[in-house]
């Protein structure tokens, strides 16, 4: 497992970045939806 991880570190970083971006976007959309719903 360790050697396979060391072979492609850029893919891990890219995956992590995509997941992080998705979480930020989803959180932003959710908070915007909640704000629009309450007003």
N, C-alpha and C. Protein backbone atom coordinates (compact mmCIF):
# COMPACT_ATOMS: atom_id res chain seq x y z
N UNK A 1 0.85 -1.20 0.00
CA UNK A 1 0.00 0.00 0.00
C UNK A 1 0.89 1.26 0.00
N UNK A 2 1.96 1.19 0.79
CA UNK A 2 2.82 2.37 0.92
C UNK A 2 3.54 2.68 -0.40
N UNK A 3 4.06 1.64 -1.05
CA UNK A 3 4.78 1.84 -2.31
C UNK A 3 3.82 2.36 -3.39
N UNK A 4 2.60 1.88 -3.40
CA UNK A 4 1.62 2.34 -4.38
C UNK A 4 1.29 3.82 -4.15
N UNK A 5 1.25 4.22 -2.88
CA UNK A 5 0.97 5.62 -2.56
C UNK A 5 2.13 6.51 -2.97
N UNK A 6 3.35 6.02 -2.79
CA UNK A 6 4.53 6.82 -3.13
C UNK A 6 4.68 6.99 -4.64
N UNK A 7 4.15 6.03 -5.40
CA UNK A 7 4.29 6.09 -6.86
C UNK A 7 3.55 7.28 -7.46
N UNK A 8 2.36 7.58 -6.97
CA UNK A 8 1.57 8.66 -7.57
C UNK A 8 1.08 9.68 -6.54
N UNK A 9 1.98 10.48 -5.97
CA UNK A 9 1.55 11.50 -5.01
C UNK A 9 0.72 12.62 -5.64
N UNK A 10 0.98 13.02 -6.92
CA UNK A 10 0.17 14.09 -7.51
C UNK A 10 -1.32 13.72 -7.58
N UNK A 11 -1.62 12.46 -7.89
CA UNK A 11 -3.02 12.04 -7.96
C UNK A 11 -3.69 12.18 -6.59
N UNK A 12 -2.96 11.85 -5.53
CA UNK A 12 -3.51 11.98 -4.18
C UNK A 12 -3.81 13.45 -3.88
N UNK A 13 -2.86 14.32 -4.24
CA UNK A 13 -3.05 15.75 -3.98
C UNK A 13 -4.23 16.28 -4.79
N UNK A 14 -4.34 15.85 -6.04
CA UNK A 14 -5.43 16.30 -6.89
C UNK A 14 -6.77 15.84 -6.33
N UNK A 15 -6.84 14.57 -5.91
CA UNK A 15 -8.07 14.02 -5.33
C UNK A 15 -8.46 14.78 -4.08
N UNK A 16 -7.45 15.06 -3.23
CA UNK A 16 -7.70 15.79 -1.99
C UNK A 16 -8.22 17.19 -2.31
N UNK A 17 -7.63 17.84 -3.29
CA UNK A 17 -8.07 19.18 -3.68
C UNK A 17 -9.50 19.18 -4.20
N UNK A 18 -9.83 18.18 -5.00
CA UNK A 18 -11.19 18.09 -5.55
C UNK A 18 -12.21 17.88 -4.44
N UNK A 19 -11.89 16.98 -3.51
CA UNK A 19 -12.80 16.70 -2.39
C UNK A 19 -12.98 17.96 -1.54
N UNK A 20 -11.87 18.65 -1.25
CA UNK A 20 -11.92 19.86 -0.44
C UNK A 20 -12.78 20.92 -1.12
N UNK A 21 -12.57 21.10 -2.42
CA UNK A 21 -13.34 22.09 -3.18
C UNK A 21 -14.83 21.73 -3.16
N UNK A 22 -15.13 20.45 -3.33
CA UNK A 22 -16.52 20.00 -3.34
C UNK A 22 -17.19 20.29 -2.00
N UNK A 23 -16.47 20.04 -0.91
CA UNK A 23 -17.02 20.29 0.42
C UNK A 23 -17.30 21.78 0.61
N UNK A 24 -16.36 22.62 0.18
CA UNK A 24 -16.53 24.08 0.31
C UNK A 24 -17.73 24.55 -0.50
N UNK A 25 -17.85 24.06 -1.73
CA UNK A 25 -18.95 24.46 -2.61
C UNK A 25 -20.30 24.00 -2.04
N UNK A 26 -20.35 22.76 -1.58
CA UNK A 26 -21.59 22.22 -1.02
C UNK A 26 -21.99 23.00 0.23
N UNK A 27 -21.01 23.30 1.09
CA UNK A 27 -21.29 24.07 2.30
C UNK A 27 -21.82 25.45 1.96
N UNK A 28 -21.20 26.09 0.96
CA UNK A 28 -21.63 27.42 0.54
C UNK A 28 -23.05 27.39 -0.02
N UNK A 29 -23.33 26.40 -0.87
CA UNK A 29 -24.67 26.28 -1.45
C UNK A 29 -25.71 26.00 -0.37
N UNK A 30 -25.35 25.17 0.60
CA UNK A 30 -26.29 24.82 1.67
C UNK A 30 -26.61 26.04 2.52
N UNK A 31 -25.58 26.81 2.90
CA UNK A 31 -25.80 28.00 3.72
C UNK A 31 -26.60 29.04 2.95
N UNK A 32 -26.34 29.16 1.64
CA UNK A 32 -27.09 30.10 0.80
C UNK A 32 -28.55 29.67 0.72
N UNK A 33 -28.78 28.36 0.58
CA UNK A 33 -30.14 27.83 0.51
C UNK A 33 -30.90 28.10 1.81
N UNK A 34 -30.21 27.87 2.94
CA UNK A 34 -30.83 28.10 4.24
C UNK A 34 -31.19 29.58 4.40
N UNK A 35 -30.29 30.47 3.94
CA UNK A 35 -30.52 31.91 4.07
C UNK A 35 -31.69 32.34 3.19
N UNK A 36 -31.74 31.83 1.97
CA UNK A 36 -32.82 32.18 1.04
C UNK A 36 -34.16 31.63 1.55
N UNK A 37 -34.12 30.48 2.18
CA UNK A 37 -35.33 29.83 2.66
C UNK A 37 -35.93 30.60 3.85
N UNK A 38 -35.05 31.13 4.71
CA UNK A 38 -35.52 31.80 5.92
C UNK A 38 -36.08 33.20 5.61
N UNK A 39 -35.60 33.86 4.55
CA UNK A 39 -36.03 35.23 4.28
C UNK A 39 -37.34 35.27 3.48
